[in-house]
Amino acid sequence: MVLGDFGTGTTSLRGLRQFPGDVLKIDRPLVRQMQTDRAACGRVGLIAALAQKMNLKAIAEGIESARQVERLLELKCEYGQGYYFSQPRDAKPALQFTGQHIAPTRTLEAAK
């Protein structure tokens, strides 16, 4: 189960106790703010560390640049998604794309 938009909105630490899951998705606006807001970097790093301590995967949403990938790796966030990797696709082209370009679990490190 994925706990999405972590760090914003109604998703909270309380939600981690209430819902079984294995993935925390770091919300797109928080990832975007990392470029101009040091506090946002701190929050992303904290979420990634929390996920690691709880044996969860942290996935950053909305990655649009190589710099964001570098920064996320520095913050120990290993997984991500966004336009940097691919535009949204319909089901058939998406399956073809993933079969050609993505290993079963591909980390941000592999995308560099």
C-alpha atoms as a PDB file:
ATOM      1  CA  MET A   1       0.000   0.000   0.000  1.00  0.00           C
ATOM      2  CA  VAL A   2       1.199   3.510  -0.810  1.00  0.00           C
ATOM      3  CA  LEU A   3       0.708   6.395   1.580  1.00  0.00           C
ATOM      4  CA  GLY A   4       0.667   9.308  -0.869  1.00  0.00           C
ATOM      5  CA  ASP A   5       1.348  13.037  -0.560  1.00  0.00           C
ATOM      6  CA  PHE A   6       3.280  12.518   2.642  1.00  0.00           C
ATOM      7  CA  GLY A   7       4.395  15.769   4.234  1.00  0.00           C
ATOM      8  CA  THR A   8       1.340  17.767   3.140  1.00  0.00           C
ATOM      9  CA  GLY A   9      -2.395  17.752   3.590  1.00  0.00           C
ATOM     10  CA  THR A  10      -4.055  15.214   5.828  1.00  0.00           C
ATOM     11  CA  THR A  11      -1.347  12.585   5.657  1.00  0.00           C
ATOM     12  CA  SER A  12       0.453  12.564   8.982  1.00  0.00           C
ATOM     13  CA  LEU A  13       2.484  10.476  11.368  1.00  0.00           C
ATOM     14  CA  ARG A  14      -0.805   9.285  12.826  1.00  0.00           C
ATOM     15  CA  GLY A  15      -1.632   7.916   9.382  1.00  0.00           C
ATOM     16  CA  LEU A  16       1.479   5.741   9.473  1.00  0.00           C
ATOM     17  CA  ARG A  17       0.122   3.919  12.503  1.00  0.00           C
ATOM     18  CA  GLN A  18      -3.404   3.572  11.120  1.00  0.00           C
ATOM     19  CA  PHE A  19      -2.656   2.269   7.630  1.00  0.00           C
ATOM     20  CA  PRO A  20      -0.497  -0.687   6.708  1.00  0.00           C
ATOM     21  CA  GLY A  21       1.824   0.216   3.904  1.00  0.00           C
ATOM     22  CA  ASP A  22       5.313  -0.124   2.513  1.00  0.00           C
ATOM     23  CA  VAL A  23       5.763   3.145   0.569  1.00  0.00           C
ATOM     24  CA  LEU A  24       5.730   6.849   1.471  1.00  0.00           C
ATOM     25  CA  LYS A  25       5.280   9.184  -1.491  1.00  0.00           C
ATOM     26  CA  ILE A  26       6.818  12.609  -0.971  1.00  0.00           C
ATOM     27  CA  ASP A  27       4.451  15.206  -2.411  1.00  0.00           C
ATOM     28  CA  ARG A  28       5.360  17.029  -5.643  1.00  0.00           C
ATOM     29  CA  PRO A  29       5.149  20.584  -4.198  1.00  0.00           C
ATOM     30  CA  LEU A  30       7.633  19.652  -1.485  1.00  0.00           C
ATOM     31  CA  VAL A  31      10.052  18.268  -4.084  1.00  0.00           C
ATOM     32  CA  ARG A  32       9.664  21.441  -6.177  1.00  0.00           C
ATOM     33  CA  GLN A  33      10.298  23.692  -3.149  1.00  0.00           C
ATOM     34  CA  MET A  34      13.630  21.972  -2.460  1.00  0.00           C
ATOM     35  CA  GLN A  35      15.285  24.183  -5.092  1.00  0.00           C
ATOM     36  CA  THR A  36      14.530  27.427  -3.263  1.00  0.00           C
ATOM     37  CA  ASP A  37      13.679  26.488   0.317  1.00  0.00           C
ATOM     38  CA  ARG A  38      16.219  24.909   2.664  1.00  0.00           C
ATOM     39  CA  ALA A  39      13.433  23.948   5.052  1.00  0.00           C
ATOM     40  CA  ALA A  40      11.792  21.905   2.274  1.00  0.00           C
ATOM     41  CA  CYS A  41      15.081  20.033   1.811  1.00  0.00           C
ATOM     42  CA  GLY A  42      15.072  19.316   5.506  1.00  0.00           C
ATOM     43  CA  ARG A  43      11.509  17.992   5.393  1.00  0.00           C
ATOM     44  CA  VAL A  44      12.284  15.741   2.423  1.00  0.00           C
ATOM     45  CA  GLY A  45      15.379  14.413   4.193  1.00  0.00           C
ATOM     46  CA  LEU A  46      13.358  13.810   7.338  1.00  0.00           C
ATOM     47  CA  ILE A  47      10.654  11.929   5.440  1.00  0.00           C
ATOM     48  CA  ALA A  48      13.297   9.797   3.682  1.00  0.00           C
ATOM     49  CA  ALA A  49      14.983   9.042   7.025  1.00  0.00           C
ATOM     50  CA  LEU A  50      11.639   8.219   8.634  1.00  0.00           C
ATOM     51  CA  ALA A  51      10.804   5.844   5.796  1.00  0.00           C
ATOM     52  CA  GLN A  52      14.171   4.140   6.144  1.00  0.00           C
ATOM     53  CA  LYS A  53      13.768   3.734   9.924  1.00  0.00           C
ATOM     54  CA  MET A  54      10.322   2.217   9.389  1.00  0.00           C
ATOM     55  CA  ASN A  55      11.528  -0.108   6.592  1.00  0.00           C
ATOM     56  CA  LEU A  56       9.465   1.758   3.998  1.00  0.00           C
ATOM     57  CA  LYS A  57      10.420   3.041   0.560  1.00  0.00           C
ATOM     58  CA  ALA A  58      10.303   6.809   0.032  1.00  0.00           C
ATOM     59  CA  ILE A  59       9.288   7.848  -3.486  1.00  0.00           C
ATOM     60  CA  ALA A  60       9.649  11.500  -4.495  1.00  0.00           C
ATOM     61  CA  GLU A  61       6.923  12.732  -6.841  1.00  0.00           C
ATOM     62  CA  GLY A  62       7.255  15.345  -9.550  1.00  0.00           C
ATOM     63  CA  ILE A  63      10.964  15.122 -10.350  1.00  0.00           C
ATOM     64  CA  GLU A  64      11.715  17.413 -13.286  1.00  0.00           C
ATOM     65  CA  SER A  65      15.499  17.892 -13.300  1.00  0.00           C
ATOM     66  CA  ALA A  66      18.821  16.158 -12.842  1.00  0.00           C
ATOM     67  CA  ARG A  67      19.564  18.579  -9.992  1.00  0.00           C
ATOM     68  CA  GLN A  68      16.498  17.330  -8.125  1.00  0.00           C
ATOM     69  CA  VAL A  69      17.685  13.744  -8.612  1.00  0.00           C
ATOM     70  CA  GLU A  70      21.121  14.666  -7.229  1.00  0.00           C
ATOM     71  CA  ARG A  71      19.633  16.451  -4.236  1.00  0.00           C
ATOM     72  CA  LEU A  72      17.217  13.612  -3.479  1.00  0.00           C
ATOM     73  CA  LEU A  73      20.080  11.127  -3.547  1.00  0.00           C
ATOM     74  CA  GLU A  74      22.024  13.362  -1.148  1.00  0.00           C
ATOM     75  CA  LEU A  75      18.960  13.251   1.133  1.00  0.00           C
ATOM     76  CA  LYS A  76      18.924   9.426   0.903  1.00  0.00           C
ATOM     77  CA  CYS A  77      15.702   9.245  -1.113  1.00  0.00           C
ATOM     78  CA  GLU A  78      16.318   6.403  -3.541  1.00  0.00           C
ATOM     79  CA  TYR A  79      13.122   6.319  -5.613  1.00  0.00           C
ATOM     80  CA  GLY A  80      11.343   8.895  -7.707  1.00  0.00           C
ATOM     81  CA  GLN A  81       8.911   9.610 -10.475  1.00  0.00           C
ATOM     82  CA  GLY A  82       8.191  12.563 -12.704  1.00  0.00           C
ATOM     83  CA  TYR A  83       8.631  14.201 -16.094  1.00  0.00           C
ATOM     84  CA  TYR A  84      12.417  13.918 -15.772  1.00  0.00           C
ATOM     85  CA  PHE A  85      11.983  10.197 -16.408  1.00  0.00           C
ATOM     86  CA  SER A  86       8.970  10.190 -18.750  1.00  0.00           C
ATOM     87  CA  GLN A  87       5.834  12.047 -19.770  1.00  0.00           C
ATOM     88  CA  PRO A  88       2.553  10.330 -18.765  1.00  0.00           C
ATOM     89  CA  ARG A  89       1.675   7.490 -21.149  1.00  0.00           C
ATOM     90  CA  ASP A  90      -1.343   5.363 -21.987  1.00  0.00           C
ATOM     91  CA  ALA A  91      -1.288   1.788 -20.709  1.00  0.00           C
ATOM     92  CA  LYS A  92       0.102  -0.010 -23.786  1.00  0.00           C
ATOM     93  CA  PRO A  93       2.955   2.452 -24.497  1.00  0.00           C
ATOM     94  CA  ALA A  94       3.712   2.574 -20.758  1.00  0.00           C
ATOM     95  CA  LEU A  95       4.108  -1.195 -20.591  1.00  0.00           C
ATOM     96  CA  GLN A  96       6.368  -1.150 -23.649  1.00  0.00           C
ATOM     97  CA  PHE A  97       8.440   1.703 -22.162  1.00  0.00           C
ATOM     98  CA  THR A  98       8.882  -0.005 -18.802  1.00  0.00           C
ATOM     99  CA  GLY A  99       9.790  -3.283 -20.457  1.00  0.00           C
ATOM    100  CA  GLN A 100      12.552  -1.551 -22.432  1.00  0.00           C
ATOM    101  CA  HIS A 101      13.912   0.991 -19.947  1.00  0.00           C
ATOM    102  CA  ILE A 102      13.138   0.125 -16.361  1.00  0.00           C
ATOM    103  CA  ALA A 103      14.326  -2.721 -14.186  1.00  0.00           C
ATOM    104  CA  PRO A 104      11.742  -4.214 -11.789  1.00  0.00           C
ATOM    105  CA  THR A 105      12.876  -1.784  -9.073  1.00  0.00           C
ATOM    106  CA  ARG A 106      14.947   1.071 -10.403  1.00  0.00           C
ATOM    107  CA  THR A 107      16.477   3.549  -8.023  1.00  0.00           C
ATOM    108  CA  LEU A 108      17.262   7.198  -8.649  1.00  0.00           C
ATOM    109  CA  GLU A 109      20.950   6.293  -8.626  1.00  0.00           C
ATOM    110  CA  ALA A 110      20.421   4.129 -11.709  1.00  0.00           C
ATOM    111  CA  ALA A 111      18.696   7.018 -13.501  1.00  0.00           C
ATOM    112  CA  LYS A 112      21.700   9.342 -13.336  1.00  0.00           C
END
